[in-house]
Amino acid sequence: MDSLYSISKELNNEQIANDLVPVVLRLAGGLMFQSRVSAVHIMAQIYEKFGPHRDTLRRKFIELCGEETPMIRRAVASRIGDLSSKMDWDLYLSEMIPVFKT
């Protein structure tokens, strides 16, 4: 997790789109809860660097918010504030407030 965050600081936009986004989405769709927990942490840390892929990653994050697994729910609860603080106000109101309510 921390390694990907460190690497992301050195990547340009094209590398993020071609390399990092697919890695994060693969982690988020993994069968083991550990990979999904890692994806939640990475999404929250580097959301602003994802540019045009923010919508995809935000939707995946919101999907992970509905997980039944306690470890994933705990990760989402600990990172939802980080992700929300990096979002546009309109998106925050329309997409994240309903997640907070659930």
PDB file of N, CA and C in Angstrom:
ATOM      1  N   MET A   1       0.816  -1.184   0.000  1.00  0.00           N
ATOM      2  CA  MET A   1       0.000   0.000   0.000  1.00  0.00           C
ATOM      3  C   MET A   1       0.866   1.257   0.000  1.00  0.00           C
ATOM      4  N   ASP A   2       1.718   1.353   0.984  1.00  0.00           N
ATOM      5  CA  ASP A   2       2.584   2.526   1.077  1.00  0.00           C
ATOM      6  C   ASP A   2       3.536   2.598  -0.111  1.00  0.00           C
ATOM      7  N   SER A   3       3.947   1.434  -0.606  1.00  0.00           N
ATOM      8  CA  SER A   3       4.841   1.409  -1.769  1.00  0.00           C
ATOM      9  C   SER A   3       4.155   1.991  -2.992  1.00  0.00           C
ATOM     10  N   LEU A   4       2.913   1.586  -3.235  1.00  0.00           N
ATOM     11  CA  LEU A   4       2.183   2.139  -4.371  1.00  0.00           C
ATOM     12  C   LEU A   4       1.975   3.632  -4.219  1.00  0.00           C
ATOM     13  N   TYR A   5       1.724   4.082  -3.006  1.00  0.00           N
ATOM     14  CA  TYR A   5       1.558   5.512  -2.762  1.00  0.00           C
ATOM     15  C   TYR A   5       2.854   6.253  -3.078  1.00  0.00           C
ATOM     16  N   SER A   6       3.976   5.719  -2.651  1.00  0.00           N
ATOM     17  CA  SER A   6       5.271   6.347  -2.925  1.00  0.00           C
ATOM     18  C   SER A   6       5.567   6.373  -4.419  1.00  0.00           C
ATOM     19  N   ILE A   7       5.281   5.268  -5.086  1.00  0.00           N
ATOM     20  CA  ILE A   7       5.517   5.190  -6.529  1.00  0.00           C
ATOM     21  C   ILE A   7       4.621   6.172  -7.274  1.00  0.00           C
ATOM     22  N   SER A   8       3.385   6.316  -6.823  1.00  0.00           N
ATOM     23  CA  SER A   8       2.436   7.188  -7.522  1.00  0.00           C
ATOM     24  C   SER A   8       2.903   8.640  -7.558  1.00  0.00           C
ATOM     25  N   LYS A   9       3.680   9.041  -6.578  1.00  0.00           N
ATOM     26  CA  LYS A   9       4.180  10.417  -6.544  1.00  0.00           C
ATOM     27  C   LYS A   9       5.127  10.696  -7.703  1.00  0.00           C
ATOM     28  N   GLU A  10       5.775   9.653  -8.221  1.00  0.00           N
ATOM     29  CA  GLU A  10       6.762   9.805  -9.286  1.00  0.00           C
ATOM     30  C   GLU A  10       6.180   9.586 -10.682  1.00  0.00           C
ATOM     31  N   LEU A  11       4.949   9.103 -10.781  1.00  0.00           N
ATOM     32  CA  LEU A  11       4.364   8.778 -12.080  1.00  0.00           C
ATOM     33  C   LEU A  11       3.733   9.995 -12.729  1.00  0.00           C
ATOM     34  N   ASN A  12       3.794  10.043 -14.057  1.00  0.00           N
ATOM     35  CA  ASN A  12       3.085  11.100 -14.782  1.00  0.00           C
ATOM     36  C   ASN A  12       1.656  10.634 -15.057  1.00  0.00           C
ATOM     37  N   ASN A  13       0.841  11.484 -15.646  1.00  0.00           N
ATOM     38  CA  ASN A  13      -0.579  11.179 -15.856  1.00  0.00           C
ATOM     39  C   ASN A  13      -0.794   9.959 -16.748  1.00  0.00           C
ATOM     40  N   GLU A  14       0.024   9.819 -17.769  1.00  0.00           N
ATOM     41  CA  GLU A  14      -0.116   8.680 -18.678  1.00  0.00           C
ATOM     42  C   GLU A  14       0.206   7.368 -17.957  1.00  0.00           C
ATOM     43  N   GLN A  15       1.246   7.371 -17.157  1.00  0.00           N
ATOM     44  CA  GLN A  15       1.609   6.171 -16.405  1.00  0.00           C
ATOM     45  C   GLN A  15       0.537   5.816 -15.376  1.00  0.00           C
ATOM     46  N   ILE A  16      -0.043   6.828 -14.772  1.00  0.00           N
ATOM     47  CA  ILE A  16      -1.120   6.568 -13.814  1.00  0.00           C
ATOM     48  C   ILE A  16      -2.294   5.913 -14.524  1.00  0.00           C
ATOM     49  N   ALA A  17      -2.673   6.462 -15.683  1.00  0.00           N
ATOM     50  CA  ALA A  17      -3.819   5.929 -16.422  1.00  0.00           C
ATOM     51  C   ALA A  17      -3.553   4.522 -16.938  1.00  0.00           C
ATOM     52  N   ASN A  18      -2.359   4.269 -17.443  1.00  0.00           N
ATOM     53  CA  ASN A  18      -2.064   2.978 -18.060  1.00  0.00           C
ATOM     54  C   ASN A  18      -1.622   1.904 -17.074  1.00  0.00           C
ATOM     55  N   ASP A  19      -1.010   2.306 -15.979  1.00  0.00           N
ATOM     56  CA  ASP A  19      -0.425   1.319 -15.072  1.00  0.00           C
ATOM     57  C   ASP A  19      -1.102   1.262 -13.704  1.00  0.00           C
ATOM     58  N   LEU A  20      -1.274   2.403 -13.072  1.00  0.00           N
ATOM     59  CA  LEU A  20      -1.750   2.415 -11.690  1.00  0.00           C
ATOM     60  C   LEU A  20      -3.252   2.167 -11.579  1.00  0.00           C
ATOM     61  N   VAL A  21      -4.036   2.773 -12.446  1.00  0.00           N
ATOM     62  CA  VAL A  21      -5.491   2.587 -12.386  1.00  0.00           C
ATOM     63  C   VAL A  21      -5.872   1.114 -12.529  1.00  0.00           C
ATOM     64  N   PRO A  22      -5.327   0.391 -13.514  1.00  0.00           N
ATOM     65  CA  PRO A  22      -5.668  -1.033 -13.605  1.00  0.00           C
ATOM     66  C   PRO A  22      -5.262  -1.845 -12.372  1.00  0.00           C
ATOM     67  N   VAL A  23      -4.138  -1.495 -11.765  1.00  0.00           N
ATOM     68  CA  VAL A  23      -3.698  -2.197 -10.561  1.00  0.00           C
ATOM     69  C   VAL A  23      -4.694  -1.980  -9.427  1.00  0.00           C
ATOM     70  N   VAL A  24      -5.106  -0.745  -9.230  1.00  0.00           N
ATOM     71  CA  VAL A  24      -6.044  -0.429  -8.149  1.00  0.00           C
ATOM     72  C   VAL A  24      -7.387  -1.109  -8.396  1.00  0.00           C
ATOM     73  N   LEU A  25      -7.859  -1.108  -9.640  1.00  0.00           N
ATOM     74  CA  LEU A  25      -9.131  -1.759  -9.948  1.00  0.00           C
ATOM     75  C   LEU A  25      -9.057  -3.271  -9.780  1.00  0.00           C
ATOM     76  N   ARG A  26      -7.909  -3.855 -10.110  1.00  0.00           N
ATOM     77  CA  ARG A  26      -7.717  -5.300  -9.885  1.00  0.00           C
ATOM     78  C   ARG A  26      -7.727  -5.613  -8.401  1.00  0.00           C
ATOM     79  N   LEU A  27      -7.067  -4.778  -7.620  1.00  0.00           N
ATOM     80  CA  LEU A  27      -7.083  -4.968  -6.169  1.00  0.00           C
ATOM     81  C   LEU A  27      -8.499  -4.846  -5.617  1.00  0.00           C
ATOM     82  N   ALA A  28      -9.242  -3.867  -6.094  1.00  0.00           N
ATOM     83  CA  ALA A  28     -10.605  -3.636  -5.609  1.00  0.00           C
ATOM     84  C   ALA A  28     -11.547  -4.781  -5.968  1.00  0.00           C
ATOM     85  N   GLY A  29     -11.251  -5.489  -7.036  1.00  0.00           N
ATOM     86  CA  GLY A  29     -12.094  -6.604  -7.448  1.00  0.00           C
ATOM     87  C   GLY A  29     -11.589  -7.952  -7.001  1.00  0.00           C
ATOM     88  N   GLY A  30     -10.557  -7.959  -6.177  1.00  0.00           N
ATOM     89  CA  GLY A  30      -9.953  -9.209  -5.730  1.00  0.00           C
ATOM     90  C   GLY A  30     -10.875 -10.043  -4.857  1.00  0.00           C
ATOM     91  N   LEU A  31     -10.611 -11.333  -4.830  1.00  0.00           N
ATOM     92  CA  LEU A  31     -11.417 -12.244  -4.025  1.00  0.00           C
ATOM     93  C   LEU A  31     -11.073 -12.172  -2.539  1.00  0.00           C
ATOM     94  N   MET A  32      -9.834 -11.897  -2.249  1.00  0.00           N
ATOM     95  CA  MET A  32      -9.405 -11.831  -0.851  1.00  0.00           C
ATOM     96  C   MET A  32      -9.675 -10.428  -0.301  1.00  0.00           C
ATOM     97  N   PHE A  33     -10.125 -10.376   0.938  1.00  0.00           N
ATOM     98  CA  PHE A  33     -10.471  -9.072   1.517  1.00  0.00           C
ATOM     99  C   PHE A  33      -9.251  -8.170   1.651  1.00  0.00           C
ATOM    100  N   GLN A  34      -8.070  -8.740   1.796  1.00  0.00           N
ATOM    101  CA  GLN A  34      -6.864  -7.933   1.963  1.00  0.00           C
ATOM    102  C   GLN A  34      -6.610  -7.046   0.742  1.00  0.00           C
ATOM    103  N   SER A  35      -6.863  -7.580  -0.445  1.00  0.00           N
ATOM    104  CA  SER A  35      -6.640  -6.773  -1.651  1.00  0.00           C
ATOM    105  C   SER A  35      -7.639  -5.627  -1.736  1.00  0.00           C
ATOM    106  N   ARG A  36      -8.878  -5.869  -1.344  1.00  0.00           N
ATOM    107  CA  ARG A  36      -9.887  -4.807  -1.379  1.00  0.00           C
ATOM    108  C   ARG A  36      -9.603  -3.742  -0.330  1.00  0.00           C
ATOM    109  N   VAL A  37      -9.116  -4.148   0.832  1.00  0.00           N
ATOM    110  CA  VAL A  37      -8.732  -3.184   1.867  1.00  0.00           C
ATOM    111  C   VAL A  37      -7.585  -2.309   1.347  1.00  0.00           C
ATOM    112  N   SER A  38      -6.619  -2.917   0.710  1.00  0.00           N
ATOM    113  CA  SER A  38      -5.501  -2.150   0.149  1.00  0.00           C
ATOM    114  C   SER A  38      -5.993  -1.163  -0.899  1.00  0.00           C
ATOM    115  N   ALA A  39      -6.929  -1.596  -1.738  1.00  0.00           N
ATOM    116  CA  ALA A  39      -7.470  -0.707  -2.773  1.00  0.00           C
ATOM    117  C   ALA A  39      -8.158   0.498  -2.156  1.00  0.00           C
ATOM    118  N   VAL A  40      -8.896   0.286  -1.089  1.00  0.00           N
ATOM    119  CA  VAL A  40      -9.582   1.394  -0.410  1.00  0.00           C
ATOM    120  C   VAL A  40      -8.567   2.425   0.065  1.00  0.00           C
ATOM    121  N   HIS A  41      -7.501   1.976   0.689  1.00  0.00           N
ATOM    122  CA  HIS A  41      -6.487   2.896   1.199  1.00  0.00           C
ATOM    123  C   HIS A  41      -5.792   3.647   0.067  1.00  0.00           C
ATOM    124  N   ILE A  42      -5.480   2.948  -1.010  1.00  0.00           N
ATOM    125  CA  ILE A  42      -4.790   3.592  -2.127  1.00  0.00           C
ATOM    126  C   ILE A  42      -5.693   4.617  -2.794  1.00  0.00           C
ATOM    127  N   MET A  43      -6.973   4.254  -3.016  1.00  0.00           N
ATOM    128  CA  MET A  43      -7.906   5.186  -3.653  1.00  0.00           C
ATOM    129  C   MET A  43      -8.004   6.479  -2.862  1.00  0.00           C
ATOM    130  N   ALA A  44      -8.093   6.373  -1.570  1.00  0.00           N
ATOM    131  CA  ALA A  44      -8.247   7.560  -0.730  1.00  0.00           C
ATOM    132  C   ALA A  44      -6.987   8.425  -0.744  1.00  0.00           C
ATOM    133  N   GLN A  45      -5.830   7.793  -0.806  1.00  0.00           N
ATOM    134  CA  GLN A  45      -4.583   8.554  -0.747  1.00  0.00           C
ATOM    135  C   GLN A  45      -4.289   9.316  -2.026  1.00  0.00           C
ATOM    136  N   ILE A  46      -4.578   8.725  -3.165  1.00  0.00           N
ATOM    137  CA  ILE A  46      -4.136   9.334  -4.420  1.00  0.00           C
ATOM    138  C   ILE A  46      -5.287   9.650  -5.367  1.00  0.00           C
ATOM    139  N   TYR A  47      -6.447   9.896  -4.829  1.00  0.00           N
ATOM    140  CA  TYR A  47      -7.638  10.187  -5.640  1.00  0.00           C
ATOM    141  C   TYR A  47      -7.417  11.356  -6.590  1.00  0.00           C
ATOM    142  N   GLU A  48      -6.817  12.416  -6.118  1.00  0.00           N
ATOM    143  CA  GLU A  48      -6.684  13.610  -6.961  1.00  0.00           C
ATOM    144  C   GLU A  48      -5.747  13.396  -8.145  1.00  0.00           C
ATOM    145  N   LYS A  49      -4.898  12.385  -8.111  1.00  0.00           N
ATOM    146  CA  LYS A  49      -3.970  12.136  -9.214  1.00  0.00           C
ATOM    147  C   LYS A  49      -4.594  11.331 -10.348  1.00  0.00           C
ATOM    148  N   PHE A  50      -5.816  10.806 -10.157  1.00  0.00           N
ATOM    149  CA  PHE A  50      -6.400   9.909 -11.143  1.00  0.00           C
ATOM    150  C   PHE A  50      -7.086  10.616 -12.302  1.00  0.00           C
ATOM    151  N   GLY A  51      -7.190  11.917 -12.253  1.00  0.00           N
ATOM    152  CA  GLY A  51      -7.735  12.694 -13.362  1.00  0.00           C
ATOM    153  C   GLY A  51      -9.043  12.155 -13.906  1.00  0.00           C
ATOM    154  N   PRO A  52      -9.057  11.783 -15.196  1.00  0.00           N
ATOM    155  CA  PRO A  52     -10.313  11.335 -15.816  1.00  0.00           C
ATOM    156  C   PRO A  52     -10.830  10.008 -15.261  1.00  0.00           C
ATOM    157  N   HIS A  53     -10.025   9.307 -14.524  1.00  0.00           N
ATOM    158  CA  HIS A  53     -10.433   8.011 -13.965  1.00  0.00           C
ATOM    159  C   HIS A  53     -11.041   8.143 -12.569  1.00  0.00           C
ATOM    160  N   ARG A  54     -11.192   9.350 -12.114  1.00  0.00           N
ATOM    161  CA  ARG A  54     -11.758   9.564 -10.771  1.00  0.00           C
ATOM    162  C   ARG A  54     -13.160   8.980 -10.649  1.00  0.00           C
ATOM    163  N   ASP A  55     -13.962   9.147 -11.693  1.00  0.00           N
ATOM    164  CA  ASP A  55     -15.339   8.633 -11.636  1.00  0.00           C
ATOM    165  C   ASP A  55     -15.354   7.122 -11.436  1.00  0.00           C
ATOM    166  N   THR A  56     -14.535   6.425 -12.181  1.00  0.00           N
ATOM    167  CA  THR A  56     -14.469   4.968 -12.074  1.00  0.00           C
ATOM    168  C   THR A  56     -14.037   4.551 -10.680  1.00  0.00           C
ATOM    169  N   LEU A  57     -13.009   5.190 -10.183  1.00  0.00           N
ATOM    170  CA  LEU A  57     -12.496   4.822  -8.861  1.00  0.00           C
ATOM    171  C   LEU A  57     -13.458   5.223  -7.746  1.00  0.00           C
ATOM    172  N   ARG A  58     -14.123   6.339  -7.906  1.00  0.00           N
ATOM    173  CA  ARG A  58     -15.098   6.753  -6.901  1.00  0.00           C
ATOM    174  C   ARG A  58     -16.260   5.769  -6.855  1.00  0.00           C
ATOM    175  N   ARG A  59     -16.726   5.339  -8.034  1.00  0.00           N
ATOM    176  CA  ARG A  59     -17.820   4.352  -8.074  1.00  0.00           C
ATOM    177  C   ARG A  59     -17.392   3.040  -7.432  1.00  0.00           C
ATOM    178  N   LYS A  60     -16.156   2.638  -7.671  1.00  0.00           N
ATOM    179  CA  LYS A  60     -15.653   1.396  -7.069  1.00  0.00           C
ATOM    180  C   LYS A  60     -15.545   1.553  -5.557  1.00  0.00           C
ATOM    181  N   PHE A  61     -15.122   2.712  -5.098  1.00  0.00           N
ATOM    182  CA  PHE A  61     -15.041   2.976  -3.660  1.00  0.00           C
ATOM    183  C   PHE A  61     -16.427   2.899  -3.038  1.00  0.00           C
ATOM    184  N   ILE A  62     -17.407   3.511  -3.693  1.00  0.00           N
ATOM    185  CA  ILE A  62     -18.772   3.488  -3.178  1.00  0.00           C
ATOM    186  C   ILE A  62     -19.314   2.058  -3.179  1.00  0.00           C
ATOM    187  N   GLU A  63     -18.953   1.294  -4.187  1.00  0.00           N
ATOM    188  CA  GLU A  63     -19.338  -0.124  -4.223  1.00  0.00           C
ATOM    189  C   GLU A  63     -18.736  -0.879  -3.037  1.00  0.00           C
ATOM    190  N   LEU A  64     -17.489  -0.576  -2.730  1.00  0.00           N
ATOM    191  CA  LEU A  64     -16.837  -1.232  -1.588  1.00  0.00           C
ATOM    192  C   LEU A  64     -17.453  -0.795  -0.262  1.00  0.00           C
ATOM    193  N   CYS A  65     -18.092   0.363  -0.242  1.00  0.00           N
ATOM    194  CA  CYS A  65     -18.775   0.819   0.967  1.00  0.00           C
ATOM    195  C   CYS A  65     -19.911  -0.121   1.359  1.00  0.00           C
ATOM    196  N   GLY A  66     -20.476  -0.807   0.387  1.00  0.00           N
ATOM    197  CA  GLY A  66     -21.583  -1.712   0.648  1.00  0.00           C
ATOM    198  C   GLY A  66     -21.175  -3.138   0.970  1.00  0.00           C
ATOM    199  N   GLU A  67     -19.897  -3.377   1.110  1.00  0.00           N
ATOM    200  CA  GLU A  67     -19.404  -4.730   1.405  1.00  0.00           C
ATOM    201  C   GLU A  67     -19.874  -5.204   2.775  1.00  0.00           C
ATOM    202  N   GLU A  68     -20.041  -6.493   2.906  1.00  0.00           N
ATOM    203  CA  GLU A  68     -20.464  -7.100   4.163  1.00  0.00           C
ATOM    204  C   GLU A  68     -19.280  -7.421   5.082  1.00  0.00           C
ATOM    205  N   THR A  69     -18.106  -7.599   4.490  1.00  0.00           N
ATOM    206  CA  THR A  69     -16.933  -8.000   5.257  1.00  0.00           C
ATOM    207  C   THR A  69     -16.520  -6.890   6.229  1.00  0.00           C
ATOM    208  N   PRO A  70     -16.423  -7.210   7.521  1.00  0.00           N
ATOM    209  CA  PRO A  70     -16.107  -6.180   8.525  1.00  0.00           C
ATOM    210  C   PRO A  70     -14.781  -5.452   8.278  1.00  0.00           C
ATOM    211  N   MET A  71     -13.767  -6.167   7.796  1.00  0.00           N
ATOM    212  CA  MET A  71     -12.472  -5.534   7.582  1.00  0.00           C
ATOM    213  C   MET A  71     -12.539  -4.477   6.470  1.00  0.00           C
ATOM    214  N   ILE A  72     -13.324  -4.764   5.438  1.00  0.00           N
ATOM    215  CA  ILE A  72     -13.468  -3.806   4.351  1.00  0.00           C
ATOM    216  C   ILE A  72     -14.282  -2.608   4.824  1.00  0.00           C
ATOM    217  N   ARG A  73     -15.328  -2.866   5.574  1.00  0.00           N
ATOM    218  CA  ARG A  73     -16.150  -1.767   6.109  1.00  0.00           C
ATOM    219  C   ARG A  73     -15.330  -0.868   7.028  1.00  0.00           C
ATOM    220  N   ARG A  74     -14.447  -1.465   7.803  1.00  0.00           N
ATOM    221  CA  ARG A  74     -13.581  -0.689   8.693  1.00  0.00           C
ATOM    222  C   ARG A  74     -12.621   0.180   7.883  1.00  0.00           C
ATOM    223  N   ALA A  75     -12.058  -0.397   6.813  1.00  0.00           N
ATOM    224  CA  ALA A  75     -11.138   0.362   5.959  1.00  0.00           C
ATOM    225  C   ALA A  75     -11.868   1.532   5.302  1.00  0.00           C
ATOM    226  N   VAL A  76     -13.073   1.271   4.806  1.00  0.00           N
ATOM    227  CA  VAL A  76     -13.863   2.331   4.177  1.00  0.00           C
ATOM    228  C   VAL A  76     -14.175   3.426   5.187  1.00  0.00           C
ATOM    229  N   ALA A  77     -14.581   3.023   6.391  1.00  0.00           N
ATOM    230  CA  ALA A  77     -14.920   4.010   7.424  1.00  0.00           C
ATOM    231  C   ALA A  77     -13.713   4.864   7.797  1.00  0.00           C
ATOM    232  N   SER A  78     -12.532   4.256   7.785  1.00  0.00           N
ATOM    233  CA  SER A  78     -11.339   5.022   8.161  1.00  0.00           C
ATOM    234  C   SER A  78     -10.850   5.940   7.045  1.00  0.00           C
ATOM    235  N   ARG A  79     -11.227   5.666   5.784  1.00  0.00           N
ATOM    236  CA  ARG A  79     -10.715   6.446   4.656  1.00  0.00           C
ATOM    237  C   ARG A  79     -11.749   7.292   3.938  1.00  0.00           C
ATOM    238  N   ILE A  80     -13.003   7.161   4.297  1.00  0.00           N
ATOM    239  CA  ILE A  80     -14.035   7.900   3.577  1.00  0.00           C
ATOM    240  C   ILE A  80     -13.858   9.414   3.735  1.00  0.00           C
ATOM    241  N   GLY A  81     -13.385   9.836   4.869  1.00  0.00           N
ATOM    242  CA  GLY A  81     -13.131  11.264   5.080  1.00  0.00           C
ATOM    243  C   GLY A  81     -11.998  11.783   4.220  1.00  0.00           C
ATOM    244  N   ASP A  82     -10.941  10.976   4.078  1.00  0.00           N
ATOM    245  CA  ASP A  82      -9.811  11.368   3.231  1.00  0.00           C
ATOM    246  C   ASP A  82     -10.254  11.537   1.783  1.00  0.00           C
ATOM    247  N   LEU A  83     -11.017  10.577   1.293  1.00  0.00           N
ATOM    248  CA  LEU A  83     -11.480  10.641  -0.083  1.00  0.00           C
ATOM    249  C   LEU A  83     -12.450  11.802  -0.273  1.00  0.00           C
ATOM    250  N   SER A  84     -13.357  11.964   0.653  1.00  0.00           N
ATOM    251  CA  SER A  84     -14.364  13.021   0.542  1.00  0.00           C
ATOM    252  C   SER A  84     -13.738  14.408   0.538  1.00  0.00           C
ATOM    253  N   SER A  85     -12.677  14.588   1.295  1.00  0.00           N
ATOM    254  CA  SER A  85     -12.038  15.903   1.359  1.00  0.00           C
ATOM    255  C   SER A  85     -11.353  16.287   0.054  1.00  0.00           C
ATOM    256  N   LYS A  86     -11.117  15.315  -0.828  1.00  0.00           N
ATOM    257  CA  LYS A  86     -10.447  15.592  -2.100  1.00  0.00           C
ATOM    258  C   LYS A  86     -11.434  15.702  -3.259  1.00  0.00           C
ATOM    259  N   MET A  87     -12.714  15.549  -2.986  1.00  0.00           N
ATOM    260  CA  MET A  87     -13.736  15.575  -4.026  1.00  0.00           C
ATOM    261  C   MET A  87     -14.293  16.984  -4.217  1.00  0.00           C
ATOM    262  N   ASP A  88     -14.894  17.188  -5.383  1.00  0.00           N
ATOM    263  CA  ASP A  88     -15.634  18.424  -5.617  1.00  0.00           C
ATOM    264  C   ASP A  88     -16.851  18.441  -4.706  1.00  0.00           C
ATOM    265  N   TRP A  89     -17.265  19.627  -4.323  1.00  0.00           N
ATOM    266  CA  TRP A  89     -18.373  19.785  -3.380  1.00  0.00           C
ATOM    267  C   TRP A  89     -19.665  19.151  -3.909  1.00  0.00           C
ATOM    268  N   ASP A  90     -19.953  19.344  -5.185  1.00  0.00           N
ATOM    269  CA  ASP A  90     -21.176  18.789  -5.765  1.00  0.00           C
ATOM    270  C   ASP A  90     -21.181  17.264  -5.719  1.00  0.00           C
ATOM    271  N   LEU A  91     -20.053  16.667  -6.057  1.00  0.00           N
ATOM    272  CA  LEU A  91     -19.952  15.198  -5.998  1.00  0.00           C
ATOM    273  C   LEU A  91     -20.054  14.701  -4.568  1.00  0.00           C
ATOM    274  N   TYR A  92     -19.458  15.451  -3.680  1.00  0.00           N
ATOM    275  CA  TYR A  92     -19.534  15.081  -2.270  1.00  0.00           C
ATOM    276  C   TYR A  92     -20.983  15.034  -1.811  1.00  0.00           C
ATOM    277  N   LEU A  93     -21.741  16.073  -2.141  1.00  0.00           N
ATOM    278  CA  LEU A  93     -23.143  16.127  -1.718  1.00  0.00           C
ATOM    279  C   LEU A  93     -23.987  15.046  -2.378  1.00  0.00           C
ATOM    280  N   SER A  94     -23.775  14.822  -3.666  1.00  0.00           N
ATOM    281  CA  SER A  94     -24.642  13.894  -4.387  1.00  0.00           C
ATOM    282  C   SER A  94     -24.270  12.427  -4.202  1.00  0.00           C
ATOM    283  N   GLU A  95     -22.983  12.130  -3.978  1.00  0.00           N
ATOM    284  CA  GLU A  95     -22.574  10.732  -3.932  1.00  0.00           C
ATOM    285  C   GLU A  95     -22.115  10.259  -2.553  1.00  0.00           C
ATOM    286  N   MET A  96     -21.445  11.095  -1.811  1.00  0.00           N
ATOM    287  CA  MET A  96     -20.878  10.622  -0.548  1.00  0.00           C
ATOM    288  C   MET A  96     -21.832  10.791   0.637  1.00  0.00           C
ATOM    289  N   ILE A  97     -22.642  11.810   0.634  1.00  0.00           N
ATOM    290  CA  ILE A  97     -23.597  11.981   1.737  1.00  0.00           C
ATOM    291  C   ILE A  97     -24.528  10.770   1.854  1.00  0.00           C
ATOM    292  N   PRO A  98     -25.075  10.240   0.733  1.00  0.00           N
ATOM    293  CA  PRO A  98     -25.879   9.020   0.859  1.00  0.00           C
ATOM    294  C   PRO A  98     -25.102   7.838   1.448  1.00  0.00           C
ATOM    295  N   VAL A  99     -23.817   7.760   1.131  1.00  0.00           N
ATOM    296  CA  VAL A  99     -22.988   6.687   1.695  1.00  0.00           C
ATOM    297  C   VAL A  99     -22.844   6.871   3.199  1.00  0.00           C
ATOM    298  N   PHE A 100     -22.632   8.111   3.633  1.00  0.00           N
ATOM    299  CA  PHE A 100     -22.550   8.402   5.067  1.00  0.00           C
ATOM    300  C   PHE A 100     -23.840   8.002   5.770  1.00  0.00           C
ATOM    301  N   LYS A 101     -24.958   8.292   5.131  1.00  0.00           N
ATOM    302  CA  LYS A 101     -26.244   7.976   5.756  1.00  0.00           C
ATOM    303  C   LYS A 101     -26.459   6.474   5.913  1.00  0.00           C
ATOM    304  N   THR A 102     -25.969   5.689   4.943  1.00  0.00           N
ATOM    305  CA  THR A 102     -26.108   4.242   5.098  1.00  0.00           C
ATOM    306  C   THR A 102     -25.083   3.694   6.044  1.00  0.00           C
TER     307      THR A 102
END
